[in-house]
Amino acid sequence: MQKILVSRCLLGERVRYDGGSHGPFDRLEIWRREGRLVPVCPEVAGGLPTPRPPAEIPGGQGYRVLDGEIGVLTLAGEDVGAAFRAGAEAALALVRDHGIRIAVLKARSPSCGNRENYDGSFSGRRVPGEGVTAALLRRHGVQVFSEEELEAAAAALADLEKG
């Protein structure tokens, strides 16, 4: 049975930067009952507390954080990129341990966003890009979806299980 890496906040766990969560999502609940889900919050796994200051990637490109070109900055200007990289590595370790090929991660998160991110200005402006964890997982061949793409994730899962 294929396992799926999933953001803990999407399972209702209160690990978001503001202490909140998201969900529930019917599709994720089905997969939970089937024993498929491997939950992770990369930011918590990387050592950040809950709650924690909001953080954004200048330009919204997580791969640039992985490559050491830029950091992940809080509103106060603190670079928390090392924690984001450590969390991404923790997520990758789970992927390797469980043979995971699909992840469902929180949209627009500086860790987990898979299509767009906030631009680093803390103004709510979105730009194309992905979070640090999403970028690392994609580099290692994992298909990354958000909670807004659960049907596409289900189709990808079905394709993987066909053979």
N, C-alpha and C. Protein backbone atom coordinates (compact mmCIF):
# COMPACT_ATOMS: atom_id res chain seq x y z
N MET A 1 0.84 -1.18 0.00
CA MET A 1 0.00 0.00 0.00
C MET A 1 0.89 1.24 0.00
N GLN A 2 0.60 2.16 -0.91
CA GLN A 2 1.33 3.43 -1.00
C GLN A 2 0.99 4.32 0.20
N LYS A 3 2.02 4.86 0.81
CA LYS A 3 1.85 5.83 1.90
C LYS A 3 1.87 7.24 1.30
N ILE A 4 1.30 8.18 2.05
CA ILE A 4 1.22 9.58 1.61
C ILE A 4 1.73 10.46 2.74
N LEU A 5 2.71 11.30 2.45
CA LEU A 5 3.17 12.29 3.42
C LEU A 5 2.13 13.40 3.45
N VAL A 6 1.75 13.86 4.63
CA VAL A 6 0.71 14.89 4.73
C VAL A 6 1.08 15.90 5.82
N SER A 7 0.79 17.17 5.54
CA SER A 7 1.00 18.21 6.54
C SER A 7 0.10 17.98 7.74
N ARG A 8 0.68 18.01 8.92
CA ARG A 8 -0.10 17.77 10.15
C ARG A 8 -1.23 18.76 10.32
N CYS A 9 -1.04 20.01 9.90
CA CYS A 9 -2.12 21.01 10.07
C CYS A 9 -3.35 20.64 9.26
N LEU A 10 -3.18 19.89 8.17
CA LEU A 10 -4.32 19.48 7.35
C LEU A 10 -5.12 18.38 8.01
N LEU A 11 -4.56 17.79 9.05
CA LEU A 11 -5.25 16.74 9.81
C LEU A 11 -5.90 17.32 11.06
N GLY A 12 -5.93 18.64 11.16
CA GLY A 12 -6.55 19.29 12.30
C GLY A 12 -5.62 19.51 13.48
N GLU A 13 -4.36 19.14 13.33
CA GLU A 13 -3.40 19.36 14.43
C GLU A 13 -3.02 20.84 14.46
N ARG A 14 -2.95 21.38 15.64
CA ARG A 14 -2.74 22.82 15.83
C ARG A 14 -1.23 23.14 15.81
N VAL A 15 -0.65 23.05 14.62
CA VAL A 15 0.79 23.27 14.47
C VAL A 15 1.12 24.45 13.54
N ARG A 16 0.10 25.11 13.01
CA ARG A 16 0.36 26.28 12.16
C ARG A 16 1.14 27.34 12.94
N TYR A 17 1.74 28.26 12.23
CA TYR A 17 2.53 29.32 12.89
C TYR A 17 1.70 30.06 13.94
N ASP A 18 0.39 30.21 13.69
CA ASP A 18 -0.46 30.94 14.62
C ASP A 18 -1.16 30.03 15.63
N GLY A 19 -0.75 28.77 15.66
CA GLY A 19 -1.35 27.81 16.59
C GLY A 19 -2.63 27.19 16.07
N GLY A 20 -3.01 27.50 14.85
CA GLY A 20 -4.24 26.96 14.26
C GLY A 20 -4.00 25.70 13.45
N SER A 21 -5.06 25.30 12.75
CA SER A 21 -5.00 24.11 11.90
C SER A 21 -5.93 24.31 10.71
N HIS A 22 -6.03 23.31 9.87
CA HIS A 22 -6.93 23.30 8.72
C HIS A 22 -7.67 21.96 8.72
N GLY A 23 -8.68 21.88 7.87
CA GLY A 23 -9.39 20.62 7.76
C GLY A 23 -10.65 20.66 8.60
N PRO A 24 -11.36 19.58 8.71
CA PRO A 24 -11.01 18.27 8.16
C PRO A 24 -11.28 18.18 6.65
N PHE A 25 -10.67 17.20 6.04
CA PHE A 25 -10.85 16.92 4.62
C PHE A 25 -11.27 15.46 4.49
N ASP A 26 -12.38 15.24 3.84
CA ASP A 26 -12.93 13.88 3.72
C ASP A 26 -11.93 12.91 3.12
N ARG A 27 -11.26 13.32 2.05
CA ARG A 27 -10.31 12.44 1.36
C ARG A 27 -9.17 12.05 2.32
N LEU A 28 -8.66 13.00 3.07
CA LEU A 28 -7.58 12.69 4.01
C LEU A 28 -8.07 11.75 5.10
N GLU A 29 -9.30 11.91 5.53
CA GLU A 29 -9.86 11.02 6.56
C GLU A 29 -9.96 9.59 6.03
N ILE A 30 -10.34 9.43 4.79
CA ILE A 30 -10.39 8.09 4.18
C ILE A 30 -9.00 7.49 4.18
N TRP A 31 -8.02 8.26 3.74
CA TRP A 31 -6.65 7.75 3.69
C TRP A 31 -6.10 7.47 5.09
N ARG A 32 -6.52 8.27 6.07
CA ARG A 32 -6.09 8.01 7.45
C ARG A 32 -6.62 6.65 7.92
N ARG A 33 -7.92 6.41 7.66
CA ARG A 33 -8.53 5.13 8.07
C ARG A 33 -7.87 3.95 7.36
N GLU A 34 -7.41 4.16 6.14
CA GLU A 34 -6.71 3.10 5.40
C GLU A 34 -5.27 2.90 5.88
N GLY A 35 -4.79 3.77 6.76
CA GLY A 35 -3.43 3.65 7.27
C GLY A 35 -2.37 4.15 6.32
N ARG A 36 -2.72 5.03 5.41
CA ARG A 36 -1.79 5.53 4.40
C ARG A 36 -0.97 6.74 4.84
N LEU A 37 -1.47 7.51 5.78
CA LEU A 37 -0.89 8.82 6.06
C LEU A 37 0.32 8.77 6.99
N VAL A 38 1.32 9.54 6.61
CA VAL A 38 2.51 9.76 7.42
C VAL A 38 2.56 11.27 7.65
N PRO A 39 2.14 11.73 8.84
CA PRO A 39 2.06 13.18 9.09
C PRO A 39 3.40 13.81 9.43
N VAL A 40 3.54 15.09 9.04
CA VAL A 40 4.73 15.86 9.36
C VAL A 40 4.38 17.34 9.37
N CYS A 41 4.98 18.07 10.26
CA CYS A 41 5.01 19.53 10.17
C CYS A 41 6.49 19.88 10.07
N PRO A 42 6.96 20.22 8.88
CA PRO A 42 8.40 20.48 8.73
C PRO A 42 8.92 21.59 9.64
N GLU A 43 8.11 22.61 9.88
CA GLU A 43 8.59 23.71 10.71
C GLU A 43 8.79 23.26 12.16
N VAL A 44 7.86 22.48 12.67
CA VAL A 44 8.02 21.93 14.03
C VAL A 44 9.17 20.92 14.05
N ALA A 45 9.22 20.07 13.03
CA ALA A 45 10.31 19.07 12.95
C ALA A 45 11.67 19.75 12.87
N GLY A 46 11.71 20.95 12.30
CA GLY A 46 12.96 21.70 12.20
C GLY A 46 13.32 22.47 13.46
N GLY A 47 12.45 22.39 14.49
CA GLY A 47 12.77 22.98 15.77
C GLY A 47 12.05 24.27 16.11
N LEU A 48 11.11 24.71 15.26
CA LEU A 48 10.39 25.94 15.55
C LEU A 48 9.21 25.66 16.48
N PRO A 49 8.88 26.60 17.35
CA PRO A 49 7.77 26.40 18.30
C PRO A 49 6.42 26.69 17.65
N THR A 50 5.37 26.32 18.36
CA THR A 50 4.00 26.68 17.99
C THR A 50 3.39 27.37 19.19
N PRO A 51 2.88 28.58 19.04
CA PRO A 51 2.94 29.40 17.83
C PRO A 51 4.35 29.94 17.60
N ARG A 52 4.54 30.53 16.42
CA ARG A 52 5.84 31.10 16.04
C ARG A 52 5.57 32.32 15.16
N PRO A 53 6.53 33.19 15.02
CA PRO A 53 6.32 34.36 14.15
C PRO A 53 6.08 33.92 12.71
N PRO A 54 5.22 34.64 11.99
CA PRO A 54 5.05 34.32 10.57
C PRO A 54 6.38 34.51 9.84
N ALA A 55 6.59 33.71 8.81
CA ALA A 55 7.83 33.79 8.04
C ALA A 55 7.49 33.66 6.56
N GLU A 56 8.28 34.32 5.74
CA GLU A 56 8.10 34.26 4.29
C GLU A 56 9.45 34.16 3.61
N ILE A 57 9.42 33.66 2.38
CA ILE A 57 10.63 33.55 1.56
C ILE A 57 10.66 34.73 0.60
N PRO A 58 11.67 35.59 0.68
CA PRO A 58 11.76 36.68 -0.29
C PRO A 58 11.77 36.12 -1.72
N GLY A 59 10.78 36.50 -2.50
CA GLY A 59 10.66 35.97 -3.86
C GLY A 59 9.88 34.68 -3.94
N GLY A 60 9.63 34.02 -2.81
CA GLY A 60 8.79 32.84 -2.77
C GLY A 60 9.38 31.54 -3.30
N GLN A 61 10.68 31.48 -3.49
CA GLN A 61 11.30 30.31 -4.12
C GLN A 61 12.07 29.45 -3.11
N GLY A 62 11.45 28.36 -2.66
CA GLY A 62 12.06 27.49 -1.67
C GLY A 62 13.36 26.85 -2.11
N TYR A 63 13.52 26.59 -3.41
CA TYR A 63 14.75 25.97 -3.87
C TYR A 63 15.95 26.89 -3.61
N ARG A 64 15.72 28.21 -3.62
CA ARG A 64 16.81 29.15 -3.35
C ARG A 64 17.24 29.08 -1.88
N VAL A 65 16.30 28.74 -1.00
CA VAL A 65 16.65 28.54 0.42
C VAL A 65 17.48 27.27 0.53
N LEU A 66 17.05 26.20 -0.15
CA LEU A 66 17.81 24.94 -0.13
C LEU A 66 19.23 25.14 -0.63
N ASP A 67 19.37 25.96 -1.66
CA ASP A 67 20.68 26.18 -2.26
C ASP A 67 21.53 27.22 -1.51
N GLY A 68 21.00 27.74 -0.39
CA GLY A 68 21.75 28.68 0.43
C GLY A 68 21.83 30.09 -0.14
N GLU A 69 21.01 30.40 -1.13
CA GLU A 69 21.05 31.72 -1.76
C GLU A 69 20.32 32.78 -0.93
N ILE A 70 19.23 32.37 -0.26
CA ILE A 70 18.43 33.29 0.53
C ILE A 70 17.96 32.56 1.79
N GLY A 71 17.39 33.31 2.70
CA GLY A 71 16.85 32.72 3.91
C GLY A 71 15.33 32.75 3.92
N VAL A 72 14.77 32.34 5.03
CA VAL A 72 13.34 32.48 5.30
C VAL A 72 13.26 33.47 6.44
N LEU A 73 12.56 34.59 6.21
CA LEU A 73 12.61 35.69 7.17
C LEU A 73 11.29 35.87 7.91
N THR A 74 11.41 36.18 9.20
CA THR A 74 10.24 36.55 9.98
C THR A 74 9.96 38.03 9.73
N LEU A 75 8.83 38.50 10.19
CA LEU A 75 8.47 39.90 10.06
C LEU A 75 9.52 40.81 10.71
N ALA A 76 10.16 40.31 11.76
CA ALA A 76 11.21 41.08 12.46
C ALA A 76 12.56 40.97 11.75
N GLY A 77 12.63 40.20 10.66
CA GLY A 77 13.88 40.09 9.91
C GLY A 77 14.79 38.95 10.33
N GLU A 78 14.34 38.11 11.27
CA GLU A 78 15.16 36.97 11.70
C GLU A 78 15.15 35.90 10.61
N ASP A 79 16.34 35.39 10.28
CA ASP A 79 16.44 34.32 9.28
C ASP A 79 16.27 32.97 9.98
N VAL A 80 15.16 32.30 9.67
CA VAL A 80 14.87 30.98 10.24
C VAL A 80 15.05 29.89 9.18
N GLY A 81 15.80 30.21 8.15
CA GLY A 81 16.01 29.27 7.05
C GLY A 81 16.63 27.95 7.49
N ALA A 82 17.53 27.97 8.48
CA ALA A 82 18.16 26.72 8.93
C ALA A 82 17.10 25.76 9.48
N ALA A 83 16.13 26.28 10.23
CA ALA A 83 15.05 25.42 10.75
C ALA A 83 14.19 24.89 9.61
N PHE A 84 13.94 25.70 8.60
CA PHE A 84 13.15 25.25 7.46
C PHE A 84 13.89 24.16 6.68
N ARG A 85 15.20 24.32 6.51
CA ARG A 85 15.99 23.28 5.82
C ARG A 85 16.01 22.00 6.65
N ALA A 86 16.18 22.12 7.97
CA ALA A 86 16.18 20.93 8.84
C ALA A 86 14.83 20.22 8.77
N GLY A 87 13.75 20.97 8.75
CA GLY A 87 12.43 20.37 8.65
C GLY A 87 12.21 19.67 7.32
N ALA A 88 12.72 20.27 6.26
CA ALA A 88 12.62 19.64 4.94
C ALA A 88 13.39 18.31 4.92
N GLU A 89 14.56 18.30 5.54
CA GLU A 89 15.36 17.06 5.62
C GLU A 89 14.62 16.00 6.44
N ALA A 90 13.94 16.42 7.52
CA ALA A 90 13.15 15.47 8.32
C ALA A 90 12.02 14.87 7.49
N ALA A 91 11.37 15.71 6.68
CA ALA A 91 10.30 15.21 5.81
C ALA A 91 10.87 14.24 4.78
N LEU A 92 12.02 14.57 4.22
CA LEU A 92 12.65 13.67 3.24
C LEU A 92 13.02 12.34 3.89
N ALA A 93 13.46 12.36 5.13
CA ALA A 93 13.78 11.11 5.83
C ALA A 93 12.53 10.23 5.96
N LEU A 94 11.39 10.83 6.27
CA LEU A 94 10.13 10.07 6.33
C LEU A 94 9.78 9.49 4.97
N VAL A 95 9.98 10.27 3.92
CA VAL A 95 9.72 9.79 2.56
C VAL A 95 10.56 8.56 2.27
N ARG A 96 11.83 8.64 2.62
CA ARG A 96 12.73 7.50 2.37
C ARG A 96 12.37 6.30 3.23
N ASP A 97 12.07 6.54 4.50
CA ASP A 97 11.74 5.44 5.42
C ASP A 97 10.49 4.69 5.00
N HIS A 98 9.52 5.40 4.41
CA HIS A 98 8.23 4.79 4.07
C HIS A 98 8.03 4.56 2.58
N GLY A 99 9.04 4.85 1.76
CA GLY A 99 8.90 4.66 0.32
C GLY A 99 7.81 5.54 -0.29
N ILE A 100 7.66 6.74 0.23
CA ILE A 100 6.59 7.64 -0.19
C ILE A 100 6.90 8.29 -1.54
N ARG A 101 5.86 8.36 -2.38
CA ARG A 101 6.01 8.99 -3.70
C ARG A 101 5.01 10.12 -3.92
N ILE A 102 4.10 10.33 -2.95
CA ILE A 102 3.10 11.40 -3.04
C ILE A 102 3.04 12.12 -1.70
N ALA A 103 2.95 13.45 -1.78
CA ALA A 103 2.76 14.27 -0.57
C ALA A 103 1.60 15.21 -0.79
N VAL A 104 0.82 15.44 0.28
CA VAL A 104 -0.23 16.45 0.28
C VAL A 104 0.16 17.44 1.37
N LEU A 105 0.55 18.63 0.92
CA LEU A 105 1.10 19.63 1.82
C LEU A 105 0.29 20.92 1.76
N LYS A 106 0.40 21.73 2.81
CA LYS A 106 -0.39 22.95 2.95
C LYS A 106 -0.06 23.99 1.89
N ALA A 107 -1.05 24.40 1.14
CA ALA A 107 -0.88 25.42 0.10
C ALA A 107 -0.33 26.72 0.69
N ARG A 108 0.56 27.35 -0.07
CA ARG A 108 1.09 28.68 0.22
C ARG A 108 1.91 28.79 1.50
N SER A 109 2.30 27.69 2.08
CA SER A 109 3.17 27.70 3.25
C SER A 109 4.62 27.87 2.79
N PRO A 110 5.45 28.60 3.56
CA PRO A 110 6.86 28.71 3.18
C PRO A 110 7.61 27.38 3.27
N SER A 111 7.05 26.42 3.95
CA SER A 111 7.60 25.06 3.94
C SER A 111 6.94 24.22 2.87
N CYS A 112 5.63 24.23 2.84
CA CYS A 112 4.86 23.21 2.13
C CYS A 112 4.20 23.65 0.84
N GLY A 113 4.10 24.94 0.58
CA GLY A 113 3.42 25.41 -0.62
C GLY A 113 3.99 24.77 -1.88
N ASN A 114 3.11 24.34 -2.77
CA ASN A 114 3.59 23.63 -3.95
C ASN A 114 3.42 24.39 -5.26
N ARG A 115 2.67 25.46 -5.30
CA ARG A 115 2.44 26.19 -6.55
C ARG A 115 2.72 27.70 -6.41
N GLU A 116 2.38 28.24 -5.26
CA GLU A 116 2.61 29.66 -5.04
C GLU A 116 2.93 29.89 -3.57
N ASN A 117 3.55 31.04 -3.34
CA ASN A 117 3.96 31.42 -2.01
C ASN A 117 3.77 32.91 -1.85
N TYR A 118 3.91 33.39 -0.63
CA TYR A 118 3.91 34.82 -0.39
C TYR A 118 5.30 35.35 -0.73
N ASP A 119 5.36 36.59 -1.16
CA ASP A 119 6.58 37.13 -1.77
C ASP A 119 7.65 37.62 -0.79
N GLY A 120 7.40 37.56 0.51
CA GLY A 120 8.40 38.00 1.48
C GLY A 120 8.17 39.40 1.99
N SER A 121 7.14 40.08 1.48
CA SER A 121 6.87 41.46 1.90
C SER A 121 5.85 41.54 3.04
N PHE A 122 5.26 40.40 3.40
CA PHE A 122 4.23 40.32 4.44
C PHE A 122 3.03 41.22 4.10
N SER A 123 2.79 41.36 2.81
CA SER A 123 1.68 42.19 2.34
C SER A 123 0.52 41.34 1.82
N GLY A 124 0.68 40.02 1.83
CA GLY A 124 -0.34 39.14 1.27
C GLY A 124 -0.18 38.90 -0.22
N ARG A 125 0.84 39.48 -0.83
CA ARG A 125 1.06 39.30 -2.27
C ARG A 125 1.63 37.92 -2.54
N ARG A 126 0.99 37.22 -3.48
CA ARG A 126 1.40 35.86 -3.84
C ARG A 126 2.21 35.87 -5.14
N VAL A 127 3.16 34.93 -5.21
CA VAL A 127 3.98 34.76 -6.40
C VAL A 127 4.09 33.27 -6.70
N PRO A 128 4.33 32.91 -7.97
CA PRO A 128 4.59 31.50 -8.26
C PRO A 128 5.82 31.04 -7.49
N GLY A 129 5.76 29.85 -6.95
CA GLY A 129 6.91 29.31 -6.21
C GLY A 129 6.47 28.20 -5.29
N GLU A 130 7.42 27.61 -4.63
CA GLU A 130 7.11 26.53 -3.70
C GLU A 130 7.93 26.69 -2.44
N GLY A 131 7.44 26.05 -1.38
CA GLY A 131 8.12 26.10 -0.10
C GLY A 131 9.37 25.24 -0.08
N VAL A 132 10.10 25.35 1.00
CA VAL A 132 11.39 24.67 1.14
C VAL A 132 11.22 23.15 1.11
N THR A 133 10.27 22.63 1.88
CA THR A 133 10.04 21.18 1.91
C THR A 133 9.51 20.69 0.57
N ALA A 134 8.55 21.40 0.00
CA ALA A 134 8.01 20.99 -1.30
C ALA A 134 9.12 20.93 -2.34
N ALA A 135 10.01 21.91 -2.35
CA ALA A 135 11.11 21.94 -3.32
C ALA A 135 12.04 20.75 -3.13
N LEU A 136 12.38 20.43 -1.87
CA LEU A 136 13.28 19.30 -1.63
C LEU A 136 12.62 17.98 -2.02
N LEU A 137 11.37 17.81 -1.67
CA LEU A 137 10.68 16.57 -2.02
C LEU A 137 10.59 16.40 -3.54
N ARG A 138 10.27 17.48 -4.22
CA ARG A 138 10.17 17.42 -5.69
C ARG A 138 11.53 17.04 -6.30
N ARG A 139 12.60 17.58 -5.74
CA ARG A 139 13.95 17.24 -6.23
C ARG A 139 14.22 15.74 -6.11
N HIS A 140 13.54 15.11 -5.17
CA HIS A 140 13.74 13.68 -4.95
C HIS A 140 12.61 12.83 -5.53
N GLY A 141 11.88 13.40 -6.47
CA GLY A 141 10.91 12.63 -7.24
C GLY A 141 9.54 12.45 -6.62
N VAL A 142 9.25 13.15 -5.53
CA VAL A 142 7.94 13.04 -4.90
C VAL A 142 6.97 13.97 -5.63
N GLN A 143 5.77 13.47 -5.91
CA GLN A 143 4.71 14.31 -6.47
C GLN A 143 4.09 15.08 -5.31
N VAL A 144 4.07 16.41 -5.41
CA VAL A 144 3.59 17.24 -4.31
C VAL A 144 2.28 17.92 -4.71
N PHE A 145 1.26 17.71 -3.89
CA PHE A 145 -0.06 18.30 -4.09
C PHE A 145 -0.41 19.12 -2.85
N SER A 146 -1.42 19.99 -2.99
CA SER A 146 -1.93 20.72 -1.83
C SER A 146 -3.32 20.20 -1.49
N GLU A 147 -3.88 20.73 -0.40
CA GLU A 147 -5.24 20.36 -0.01
C GLU A 147 -6.26 20.81 -1.04
N GLU A 148 -5.85 21.70 -1.94
CA GLU A 148 -6.73 22.17 -3.01
C GLU A 148 -6.69 21.24 -4.21
N GLU A 149 -5.86 20.21 -4.15
CA GLU A 149 -5.67 19.28 -5.28
C GLU A 149 -5.84 17.82 -4.85
N LEU A 150 -6.75 17.58 -3.94
CA LEU A 150 -6.91 16.22 -3.40
C LEU A 150 -7.37 15.23 -4.46
N GLU A 151 -8.21 15.65 -5.39
CA GLU A 151 -8.64 14.72 -6.44
C GLU A 151 -7.48 14.36 -7.36
N ALA A 152 -6.62 15.33 -7.67
CA ALA A 152 -5.43 15.04 -8.48
C ALA A 152 -4.49 14.10 -7.73
N ALA A 153 -4.35 14.29 -6.42
CA ALA A 153 -3.52 13.39 -5.61
C ALA A 153 -4.11 11.99 -5.62
N ALA A 154 -5.43 11.88 -5.53
CA ALA A 154 -6.08 10.56 -5.57
C ALA A 154 -5.84 9.88 -6.91
N ALA A 155 -5.89 10.65 -8.00
CA ALA A 155 -5.63 10.08 -9.33
C ALA A 155 -4.18 9.60 -9.44
N ALA A 156 -3.25 10.40 -8.91
CA ALA A 156 -1.83 10.00 -8.93
C ALA A 156 -1.61 8.74 -8.11
N LEU A 157 -2.28 8.65 -6.97
CA LEU A 157 -2.19 7.46 -6.12
C LEU A 157 -2.70 6.24 -6.87
N ALA A 158 -3.84 6.38 -7.53
CA ALA A 158 -4.41 5.26 -8.29
C ALA A 158 -3.44 4.82 -9.38
N ASP A 159 -2.81 5.78 -10.05
CA ASP A 159 -1.83 5.43 -11.10
C ASP A 159 -0.64 4.67 -10.52
N LEU A 160 -0.15 5.11 -9.37
CA LEU A 160 0.98 4.41 -8.73
C LEU A 160 0.59 2.99 -8.34
N GLU A 161 -0.61 2.82 -7.87
CA GLU A 161 -1.02 1.49 -7.40
C GLU A 161 -1.37 0.55 -8.54
N LYS A 162 -1.61 1.08 -9.73
CA LYS A 162 -1.84 0.23 -10.91
C LYS A 162 -0.56 -0.49 -11.32
N GLY A 163 0.56 0.15 -11.07
CA GLY A 163 1.77 -0.55 -11.45
C GLY A 163 2.84 0.35 -11.79
